[in-house]
Amino acid sequence: MTKKPSRRSENQDLYIGLVRLHVLHHAAEEPIFGLGIIRELSRHGYRLGPGTIYPLLHGMERRGWLKSKLQLVAGRNRKVYLATAAGRKALVKARKQVQELYEEMGEGK
């Protein structure tokens, strides 16, 4: 018997692309870090924990959209992420696609 996914995980699967766009948007503006982006995403209604966001960041880095570096903060090293040129290019294209979807759904009219 196949276990039915919880409503939360169903929604997470639907919205994960939007989460990636949020992350890429913020990483294109300034360095981001795991807990900081979790807090930012929660302002937009996303409830993500470290077990979701860190694999997402690592995957975006493997795809070449983000680049990480260590940054000294209050005497400790923090891994921060910035959008790469490829990530910025992908973001420009994605913005156009999001705008088209928004208009098609009748919200942009």
N, C-alpha and C. Protein backbone atom coordinates (compact mmCIF):
# COMPACT_ATOMS: atom_id res chain seq x y z
N MET A 1 0.84 -1.17 0.00
CA MET A 1 0.00 0.00 0.00
C MET A 1 0.89 1.25 0.00
N THR A 2 0.60 2.19 -0.88
CA THR A 2 1.37 3.41 -0.97
C THR A 2 0.87 4.42 0.04
N LYS A 3 1.81 5.00 0.78
CA LYS A 3 1.44 6.00 1.77
C LYS A 3 1.16 7.32 1.07
N LYS A 4 0.03 7.91 1.40
CA LYS A 4 -0.35 9.21 0.83
C LYS A 4 0.49 10.29 1.50
N PRO A 5 1.10 11.18 0.69
CA PRO A 5 1.89 12.25 1.31
C PRO A 5 1.01 13.20 2.11
N SER A 6 1.59 13.75 3.15
CA SER A 6 0.83 14.72 3.95
C SER A 6 0.55 15.95 3.11
N ARG A 7 -0.46 16.69 3.51
CA ARG A 7 -0.81 17.93 2.78
C ARG A 7 0.38 18.88 2.74
N ARG A 8 1.12 18.94 3.84
CA ARG A 8 2.30 19.81 3.91
C ARG A 8 3.33 19.41 2.87
N SER A 9 3.64 18.11 2.76
CA SER A 9 4.65 17.69 1.80
C SER A 9 4.16 17.85 0.36
N GLU A 10 2.85 17.69 0.14
CA GLU A 10 2.31 17.94 -1.20
C GLU A 10 2.53 19.39 -1.59
N ASN A 11 2.22 20.29 -0.69
CA ASN A 11 2.42 21.71 -0.96
C ASN A 11 3.88 22.04 -1.13
N GLN A 12 4.74 21.43 -0.33
CA GLN A 12 6.17 21.69 -0.43
C GLN A 12 6.67 21.29 -1.82
N ASP A 13 6.21 20.16 -2.32
CA ASP A 13 6.61 19.74 -3.66
C ASP A 13 6.15 20.75 -4.71
N LEU A 14 4.97 21.30 -4.52
CA LEU A 14 4.43 22.28 -5.46
C LEU A 14 5.22 23.58 -5.42
N TYR A 15 5.59 24.02 -4.23
CA TYR A 15 6.19 25.33 -4.05
C TYR A 15 7.71 25.35 -4.07
N ILE A 16 8.37 24.20 -4.14
CA ILE A 16 9.82 24.18 -4.01
C ILE A 16 10.51 25.00 -5.11
N GLY A 17 9.93 25.05 -6.29
CA GLY A 17 10.50 25.88 -7.34
C GLY A 17 10.42 27.36 -6.99
N LEU A 18 9.32 27.76 -6.35
CA LEU A 18 9.19 29.15 -5.90
C LEU A 18 10.20 29.46 -4.80
N VAL A 19 10.43 28.49 -3.94
CA VAL A 19 11.44 28.67 -2.89
C VAL A 19 12.81 28.89 -3.52
N ARG A 20 13.14 28.08 -4.53
CA ARG A 20 14.43 28.26 -5.21
C ARG A 20 14.54 29.65 -5.82
N LEU A 21 13.45 30.14 -6.40
CA LEU A 21 13.46 31.49 -6.97
C LEU A 21 13.67 32.54 -5.89
N HIS A 22 13.01 32.39 -4.76
CA HIS A 22 13.22 33.31 -3.64
C HIS A 22 14.69 33.31 -3.23
N VAL A 23 15.24 32.12 -3.06
CA VAL A 23 16.64 31.99 -2.64
C VAL A 23 17.54 32.67 -3.66
N LEU A 24 17.34 32.38 -4.93
CA LEU A 24 18.17 32.96 -5.98
C LEU A 24 18.03 34.48 -6.01
N HIS A 25 16.82 34.97 -5.86
CA HIS A 25 16.58 36.42 -5.83
C HIS A 25 17.39 37.08 -4.71
N HIS A 26 17.30 36.52 -3.51
CA HIS A 26 18.01 37.12 -2.38
C HIS A 26 19.52 36.97 -2.51
N ALA A 27 19.97 35.84 -3.04
CA ALA A 27 21.41 35.62 -3.21
C ALA A 27 21.98 36.51 -4.31
N ALA A 28 21.14 37.00 -5.20
CA ALA A 28 21.59 37.94 -6.23
C ALA A 28 21.72 39.34 -5.66
N GLU A 29 21.03 39.62 -4.56
CA GLU A 29 21.08 40.94 -3.93
C GLU A 29 22.20 41.08 -2.91
N GLU A 30 22.44 40.00 -2.14
CA GLU A 30 23.45 40.03 -1.08
C GLU A 30 23.75 38.60 -0.64
N PRO A 31 24.86 38.41 0.09
CA PRO A 31 25.15 37.06 0.59
C PRO A 31 24.04 36.58 1.51
N ILE A 32 23.69 35.32 1.38
CA ILE A 32 22.67 34.72 2.25
C ILE A 32 23.29 33.55 2.99
N PHE A 33 22.65 33.14 4.08
CA PHE A 33 23.09 31.96 4.83
C PHE A 33 21.85 31.20 5.26
N GLY A 34 22.03 29.95 5.63
CA GLY A 34 20.92 29.05 5.89
C GLY A 34 19.85 29.59 6.81
N LEU A 35 20.20 29.90 8.05
CA LEU A 35 19.20 30.36 9.01
C LEU A 35 18.58 31.68 8.57
N GLY A 36 19.37 32.56 7.99
CA GLY A 36 18.84 33.83 7.52
C GLY A 36 17.79 33.66 6.43
N ILE A 37 18.03 32.74 5.50
CA ILE A 37 17.07 32.54 4.41
C ILE A 37 15.85 31.78 4.92
N ILE A 38 16.02 30.91 5.91
CA ILE A 38 14.87 30.26 6.53
C ILE A 38 13.95 31.32 7.13
N ARG A 39 14.53 32.29 7.83
CA ARG A 39 13.73 33.36 8.44
C ARG A 39 13.05 34.21 7.36
N GLU A 40 13.80 34.54 6.32
CA GLU A 40 13.22 35.36 5.23
C GLU A 40 12.07 34.62 4.56
N LEU A 41 12.25 33.36 4.28
CA LEU A 41 11.19 32.58 3.63
C LEU A 41 9.97 32.45 4.53
N SER A 42 10.18 32.40 5.84
CA SER A 42 9.03 32.29 6.75
C SER A 42 8.17 33.55 6.68
N ARG A 43 8.79 34.70 6.38
CA ARG A 43 8.01 35.94 6.21
C ARG A 43 7.05 35.83 5.02
N HIS A 44 7.36 34.94 4.09
CA HIS A 44 6.53 34.74 2.90
C HIS A 44 5.61 33.52 3.04
N GLY A 45 5.56 32.95 4.24
CA GLY A 45 4.64 31.86 4.50
C GLY A 45 5.22 30.46 4.32
N TYR A 46 6.49 30.36 3.98
CA TYR A 46 7.13 29.05 3.83
C TYR A 46 7.67 28.60 5.17
N ARG A 47 7.39 27.38 5.53
CA ARG A 47 7.88 26.81 6.79
C ARG A 47 8.90 25.72 6.45
N LEU A 48 10.15 26.11 6.37
CA LEU A 48 11.21 25.18 6.00
C LEU A 48 12.22 25.10 7.13
N GLY A 49 12.75 23.93 7.33
CA GLY A 49 13.78 23.74 8.35
C GLY A 49 15.13 23.49 7.70
N PRO A 50 16.14 23.33 8.53
CA PRO A 50 17.49 23.08 8.01
C PRO A 50 17.59 21.83 7.13
N GLY A 51 16.79 20.82 7.44
CA GLY A 51 16.82 19.58 6.67
C GLY A 51 16.31 19.75 5.24
N THR A 52 15.63 20.84 4.98
CA THR A 52 15.16 21.15 3.63
C THR A 52 16.05 22.20 2.99
N ILE A 53 16.38 23.27 3.72
CA ILE A 53 17.06 24.40 3.10
C ILE A 53 18.51 24.09 2.76
N TYR A 54 19.23 23.36 3.62
CA TYR A 54 20.64 23.11 3.32
C TYR A 54 20.83 22.20 2.11
N PRO A 55 20.06 21.12 1.97
CA PRO A 55 20.17 20.34 0.73
C PRO A 55 19.78 21.17 -0.50
N LEU A 56 18.79 22.06 -0.35
CA LEU A 56 18.39 22.91 -1.45
C LEU A 56 19.54 23.84 -1.86
N LEU A 57 20.18 24.47 -0.87
CA LEU A 57 21.33 25.35 -1.16
C LEU A 57 22.47 24.57 -1.82
N HIS A 58 22.77 23.40 -1.30
CA HIS A 58 23.84 22.58 -1.87
C HIS A 58 23.51 22.16 -3.31
N GLY A 59 22.26 21.82 -3.54
CA GLY A 59 21.85 21.45 -4.90
C GLY A 59 21.94 22.62 -5.87
N MET A 60 21.57 23.80 -5.40
CA MET A 60 21.66 24.98 -6.26
C MET A 60 23.13 25.32 -6.55
N GLU A 61 23.98 25.04 -5.58
CA GLU A 61 25.42 25.25 -5.80
C GLU A 61 25.95 24.24 -6.82
N ARG A 62 25.54 22.98 -6.70
CA ARG A 62 25.96 21.96 -7.67
C ARG A 62 25.50 22.30 -9.09
N ARG A 63 24.32 22.91 -9.21
CA ARG A 63 23.80 23.30 -10.53
C ARG A 63 24.51 24.53 -11.10
N GLY A 64 25.31 25.20 -10.25
CA GLY A 64 26.04 26.35 -10.69
C GLY A 64 25.30 27.67 -10.53
N TRP A 65 24.18 27.67 -9.81
CA TRP A 65 23.40 28.89 -9.60
C TRP A 65 23.92 29.70 -8.42
N LEU A 66 24.52 29.02 -7.44
CA LEU A 66 25.07 29.67 -6.25
C LEU A 66 26.53 29.28 -6.08
N LYS A 67 27.25 30.15 -5.40
CA LYS A 67 28.64 29.86 -5.02
C LYS A 67 28.76 30.18 -3.54
N SER A 68 29.40 29.30 -2.79
CA SER A 68 29.54 29.53 -1.35
C SER A 68 30.96 29.97 -1.01
N LYS A 69 31.04 30.65 0.11
CA LYS A 69 32.34 31.01 0.67
C LYS A 69 32.16 31.14 2.17
N LEU A 70 33.27 31.06 2.89
CA LEU A 70 33.21 31.25 4.34
C LEU A 70 33.39 32.72 4.65
N GLN A 71 32.60 33.20 5.60
CA GLN A 71 32.65 34.59 6.01
C GLN A 71 32.76 34.62 7.53
N LEU A 72 33.68 35.38 8.06
CA LEU A 72 33.87 35.49 9.50
C LEU A 72 32.81 36.42 10.08
N VAL A 73 32.00 35.88 10.99
CA VAL A 73 30.92 36.65 11.63
C VAL A 73 31.02 36.39 13.13
N ALA A 74 31.25 37.45 13.88
CA ALA A 74 31.34 37.35 15.34
C ALA A 74 32.33 36.27 15.77
N GLY A 75 33.47 36.22 15.09
CA GLY A 75 34.52 35.27 15.45
C GLY A 75 34.31 33.85 14.98
N ARG A 76 33.24 33.61 14.20
CA ARG A 76 32.96 32.26 13.71
C ARG A 76 32.82 32.30 12.20
N ASN A 77 33.19 31.19 11.56
CA ASN A 77 33.00 31.08 10.12
C ASN A 77 31.56 30.73 9.81
N ARG A 78 30.98 31.45 8.88
CA ARG A 78 29.63 31.18 8.40
C ARG A 78 29.72 30.94 6.89
N LYS A 79 29.05 29.91 6.42
CA LYS A 79 29.00 29.64 4.99
C LYS A 79 27.91 30.51 4.39
N VAL A 80 28.30 31.37 3.46
CA VAL A 80 27.34 32.25 2.80
C VAL A 80 27.31 31.90 1.32
N TYR A 81 26.19 32.22 0.70
CA TYR A 81 25.96 31.90 -0.71
C TYR A 81 25.65 33.17 -1.48
N LEU A 82 26.20 33.24 -2.68
CA LEU A 82 25.93 34.34 -3.61
C LEU A 82 25.51 33.74 -4.94
N ALA A 83 24.68 34.46 -5.66
CA ALA A 83 24.28 34.01 -7.00
C ALA A 83 25.48 34.14 -7.94
N THR A 84 25.64 33.17 -8.79
CA THR A 84 26.67 33.21 -9.83
C THR A 84 26.11 33.91 -11.06
N ALA A 85 26.96 34.11 -12.06
CA ALA A 85 26.48 34.69 -13.32
C ALA A 85 25.41 33.79 -13.93
N ALA A 86 25.62 32.48 -13.86
CA ALA A 86 24.62 31.53 -14.39
C ALA A 86 23.33 31.62 -13.58
N GLY A 87 23.44 31.81 -12.27
CA GLY A 87 22.26 31.95 -11.42
C GLY A 87 21.49 33.22 -11.73
N ARG A 88 22.20 34.30 -11.99
CA ARG A 88 21.55 35.57 -12.34
C ARG A 88 20.84 35.46 -13.69
N LYS A 89 21.48 34.78 -14.62
CA LYS A 89 20.87 34.58 -15.94
C LYS A 89 19.60 33.73 -15.81
N ALA A 90 19.67 32.67 -15.01
CA ALA A 90 18.50 31.82 -14.79
C ALA A 90 17.39 32.61 -14.11
N LEU A 91 17.75 33.50 -13.21
CA LEU A 91 16.76 34.32 -12.50
C LEU A 91 16.05 35.26 -13.46
N VAL A 92 16.77 35.88 -14.37
CA VAL A 92 16.16 36.77 -15.37
C VAL A 92 15.13 36.00 -16.20
N LYS A 93 15.51 34.82 -16.64
CA LYS A 93 14.60 33.99 -17.44
C LYS A 93 13.38 33.57 -16.61
N ALA A 94 13.63 33.18 -15.37
CA ALA A 94 12.54 32.72 -14.51
C ALA A 94 11.56 33.86 -14.21
N ARG A 95 12.07 35.07 -14.04
CA ARG A 95 11.17 36.21 -13.79
C ARG A 95 10.19 36.39 -14.94
N LYS A 96 10.68 36.24 -16.15
CA LYS A 96 9.80 36.35 -17.32
C LYS A 96 8.73 35.26 -17.31
N GLN A 97 9.14 34.05 -16.95
CA GLN A 97 8.19 32.94 -16.92
C GLN A 97 7.17 33.11 -15.80
N VAL A 98 7.61 33.61 -14.65
CA VAL A 98 6.69 33.85 -13.54
C VAL A 98 5.69 34.94 -13.93
N GLN A 99 6.17 35.99 -14.57
CA GLN A 99 5.29 37.08 -15.00
C GLN A 99 4.24 36.56 -15.99
N GLU A 100 4.67 35.72 -16.93
CA GLU A 100 3.74 35.14 -17.90
C GLU A 100 2.68 34.29 -17.21
N LEU A 101 3.10 33.48 -16.25
CA LEU A 101 2.16 32.64 -15.50
C LEU A 101 1.19 33.51 -14.72
N TYR A 102 1.71 34.51 -14.07
CA TYR A 102 0.89 35.45 -13.28
C TYR A 102 -0.19 36.07 -14.16
N GLU A 103 0.20 36.52 -15.33
CA GLU A 103 -0.77 37.12 -16.26
C GLU A 103 -1.75 36.10 -16.78
N GLU A 104 -1.28 34.90 -17.07
CA GLU A 104 -2.16 33.85 -17.58
C GLU A 104 -3.20 33.43 -16.55
N MET A 105 -2.84 33.48 -15.30
CA MET A 105 -3.76 33.10 -14.24
C MET A 105 -4.76 34.21 -13.95
N GLY A 106 -4.66 35.33 -14.66
CA GLY A 106 -5.63 36.39 -14.51
C GLY A 106 -5.32 37.40 -13.43
N GLU A 107 -4.22 37.20 -12.70
CA GLU A 107 -3.88 38.09 -11.60
C GLU A 107 -3.20 39.36 -12.09
N GLY A 108 -2.59 39.30 -13.25
CA GLY A 108 -1.84 40.46 -13.73
C GLY A 108 -2.63 41.36 -14.64
N LYS A 109 -3.91 41.06 -14.79
CA LYS A 109 -4.74 41.86 -15.72
C LYS A 109 -5.44 42.97 -14.99
